[in-house]
Amino acid sequence: MSISQKEINFETENLGLDPDIFTKILELYQNNSYAHLTGIKIVALGPGKLIAEMVVEKQNSNMAGTLHGGATATLVDVCMGMACFTKGSIVVSGNINVSYLAAGKAGDKIIAVGQVIRAGKTAFFAEACLEDEKGKIIATGTGTFFVKETFAEQN
């Protein structure tokens, strides 16, 4: 079921991505209920790149009131995987590695950048960096993603 263009968040900035791929990625993201539970907002998409934000709130915090490691890993995974989507392929995570470097505190806006390092026919390699608004690095990540299909192959 396709989402009408009225329901797509056009606040997301297009940083030079093919308009059809840009729209398709936003349609797919609209249907990603798990990512929405975490409060991840897609800010910008460009060739091989995705920028997202997440505010540290109660639902994505741990018992200490800081950003939960699972929410951090989800943000890293989403940013890298969707950066791969910008290359025209739908991918699934094969492996992600997350380095937790600092705590995101309640109320902090976390800015995440995912970038494709290498795009192959069957596998992609990507990296992500998460920072708070002051530029403090919260986490970094790397990942391997396997191509499920391309947008061109979809029915």
Protein backbone atom coordinates (compact mmCIF):
# COMPACT_ATOMS: atom_id res chain seq x y z
CA MET A 1 0.00 0.00 0.00
CA SER A 2 1.54 3.28 -1.08
CA ILE A 3 1.28 6.41 1.02
CA SER A 4 0.00 9.52 -0.68
CA GLN A 5 2.40 12.40 -1.02
CA LYS A 6 0.24 14.40 1.42
CA GLU A 7 1.26 12.01 4.22
CA ILE A 8 5.01 12.16 3.52
CA ASN A 9 7.05 14.49 5.72
CA PHE A 10 8.36 17.04 3.23
CA GLU A 11 10.21 18.81 6.05
CA THR A 12 12.99 16.34 5.28
CA GLU A 13 15.62 18.15 3.21
CA ASN A 14 16.72 16.65 -0.08
CA LEU A 15 20.50 17.07 -0.43
CA GLY A 16 20.65 16.19 -4.14
CA LEU A 17 19.02 12.77 -4.10
CA ASP A 18 16.98 11.59 -7.08
CA PRO A 19 13.40 12.76 -6.32
CA ASP A 20 11.91 9.30 -6.94
CA ILE A 21 14.35 7.62 -4.53
CA PHE A 22 13.84 10.43 -2.00
CA THR A 23 10.06 9.95 -2.06
CA LYS A 24 10.31 6.15 -1.94
CA ILE A 25 12.58 6.27 1.13
CA LEU A 26 10.18 8.60 2.94
CA GLU A 27 7.26 6.30 2.04
CA LEU A 28 9.14 3.31 3.45
CA TYR A 29 10.05 5.24 6.59
CA GLN A 30 6.42 6.23 7.16
CA ASN A 31 5.68 2.49 7.49
CA ASN A 32 8.60 1.80 9.88
CA SER A 33 6.66 1.70 13.14
CA TYR A 34 9.65 0.58 15.23
CA ALA A 35 11.77 3.56 14.26
CA HIS A 36 8.85 5.85 15.08
CA LEU A 37 8.60 4.36 18.59
CA THR A 38 12.12 5.62 19.27
CA GLY A 39 11.32 9.15 18.11
CA ILE A 40 13.81 9.17 15.23
CA LYS A 41 13.17 12.05 12.80
CA ILE A 42 14.77 12.04 9.36
CA VAL A 43 16.18 15.54 8.80
CA ALA A 44 17.96 15.18 5.45
CA LEU A 45 18.78 12.65 2.74
CA GLY A 46 21.52 12.86 0.15
CA PRO A 47 23.45 10.44 -2.04
CA GLY A 48 24.97 7.95 0.40
CA LYS A 49 24.03 10.06 3.43
CA LEU A 50 21.28 10.41 5.99
CA ILE A 51 20.93 12.91 8.84
CA ALA A 52 18.49 12.17 11.67
CA GLU A 53 17.61 13.49 15.11
CA MET A 54 16.33 11.95 18.30
CA VAL A 55 15.48 13.74 21.53
CA VAL A 56 16.40 11.85 24.69
CA GLU A 57 13.03 11.33 26.35
CA LYS A 58 11.63 8.92 28.93
CA GLN A 59 10.71 6.24 26.35
CA ASN A 60 14.30 5.99 25.04
CA SER A 61 16.11 6.40 28.38
CA ASN A 62 17.64 3.89 30.74
CA MET A 63 17.20 3.72 34.52
CA ALA A 64 19.87 6.40 34.96
CA GLY A 65 17.85 8.81 32.81
CA THR A 66 20.34 8.81 29.92
CA LEU A 67 19.96 7.57 26.36
CA HIS A 68 19.49 3.80 26.45
CA GLY A 69 22.13 1.73 24.66
CA GLY A 70 19.46 -0.06 22.65
CA ALA A 71 18.02 3.26 21.44
CA THR A 72 21.54 4.38 20.56
CA ALA A 73 22.12 1.20 18.56
CA THR A 74 18.76 1.61 16.82
CA LEU A 75 19.65 5.16 15.77
CA VAL A 76 23.04 3.99 14.49
CA ASP A 77 21.41 1.11 12.57
CA VAL A 78 18.62 3.23 11.07
CA CYS A 79 21.03 5.94 9.92
CA MET A 80 23.45 3.56 8.27
CA GLY A 81 20.78 1.35 6.70
CA MET A 82 18.79 4.24 5.30
CA ALA A 83 21.97 5.88 3.98
CA CYS A 84 22.31 2.67 1.95
CA PHE A 85 18.73 3.11 0.70
CA THR A 86 19.81 6.42 -0.88
CA LYS A 87 21.89 4.36 -3.32
CA GLY A 88 18.70 2.72 -4.64
CA SER A 89 18.90 -0.54 -2.70
CA ILE A 90 16.79 -1.90 0.11
CA VAL A 91 19.17 -3.48 2.59
CA VAL A 92 19.02 -5.49 5.79
CA SER A 93 21.54 -5.31 8.61
CA GLY A 94 24.18 -8.03 8.58
CA ASN A 95 26.34 -6.70 11.37
CA ILE A 96 26.57 -3.45 13.32
CA ASN A 97 29.20 -2.36 15.79
CA VAL A 98 28.50 0.48 18.19
CA SER A 99 31.03 2.31 20.35
CA TYR A 100 29.37 4.13 23.24
CA LEU A 101 31.48 7.19 24.05
CA ALA A 102 29.31 9.44 26.24
CA ALA A 103 25.83 9.57 27.72
CA GLY A 104 23.03 11.45 26.02
CA LYS A 105 21.18 13.25 28.80
CA ALA A 106 17.44 13.76 29.19
CA GLY A 107 16.25 16.53 26.89
CA ASP A 108 19.35 16.39 24.66
CA LYS A 109 18.80 16.40 20.91
CA ILE A 110 21.04 13.74 19.36
CA ILE A 111 22.10 14.42 15.78
CA ALA A 112 23.06 11.34 13.81
CA VAL A 113 24.81 11.12 10.46
CA GLY A 114 24.98 7.85 8.53
CA GLN A 115 27.19 7.51 5.46
CA VAL A 116 27.86 4.77 2.94
CA ILE A 117 31.55 3.89 2.81
CA ARG A 118 31.28 1.31 0.03
CA ALA A 119 28.32 0.20 -2.05
CA GLY A 120 28.62 -3.18 -3.72
CA LYS A 121 26.18 -5.34 -5.66
CA THR A 122 25.34 -7.56 -2.69
CA ALA A 123 26.74 -5.75 0.36
CA PHE A 124 27.17 -2.21 1.63
CA PHE A 125 29.50 -0.86 4.30
CA ALA A 126 28.48 2.20 6.29
CA GLU A 127 29.37 4.30 9.32
CA ALA A 128 27.48 6.58 11.68
CA CYS A 129 28.31 9.27 14.21
CA LEU A 130 25.96 10.54 16.92
CA GLU A 131 26.56 13.90 18.60
CA ASP A 132 24.67 16.14 20.97
CA GLU A 133 23.87 19.74 19.98
CA LYS A 134 27.16 20.93 21.49
CA GLY A 135 29.15 18.60 19.22
CA LYS A 136 30.00 16.04 21.91
CA ILE A 137 30.27 12.60 20.32
CA ILE A 138 27.82 10.20 21.97
CA ALA A 139 28.49 7.12 19.85
CA THR A 140 29.95 5.88 16.59
CA GLY A 141 29.10 2.83 14.58
CA THR A 142 30.01 0.76 11.56
CA GLY A 143 27.96 -1.82 9.75
CA THR A 144 27.61 -4.31 6.95
CA PHE A 145 24.30 -4.40 5.11
CA PHE A 146 23.07 -6.98 2.62
CA VAL A 147 21.06 -6.02 -0.44
CA LYS A 148 17.56 -7.48 -0.31
CA GLU A 149 16.41 -5.84 -3.56
CA THR A 150 16.76 -2.62 -5.48
CA PHE A 151 14.01 -0.08 -5.92
CA ALA A 152 14.07 -0.91 -9.63
CA GLU A 153 13.30 -4.59 -8.84
CA GLN A 154 10.23 -3.79 -6.73
CA ASN A 155 6.80 -4.42 -8.20
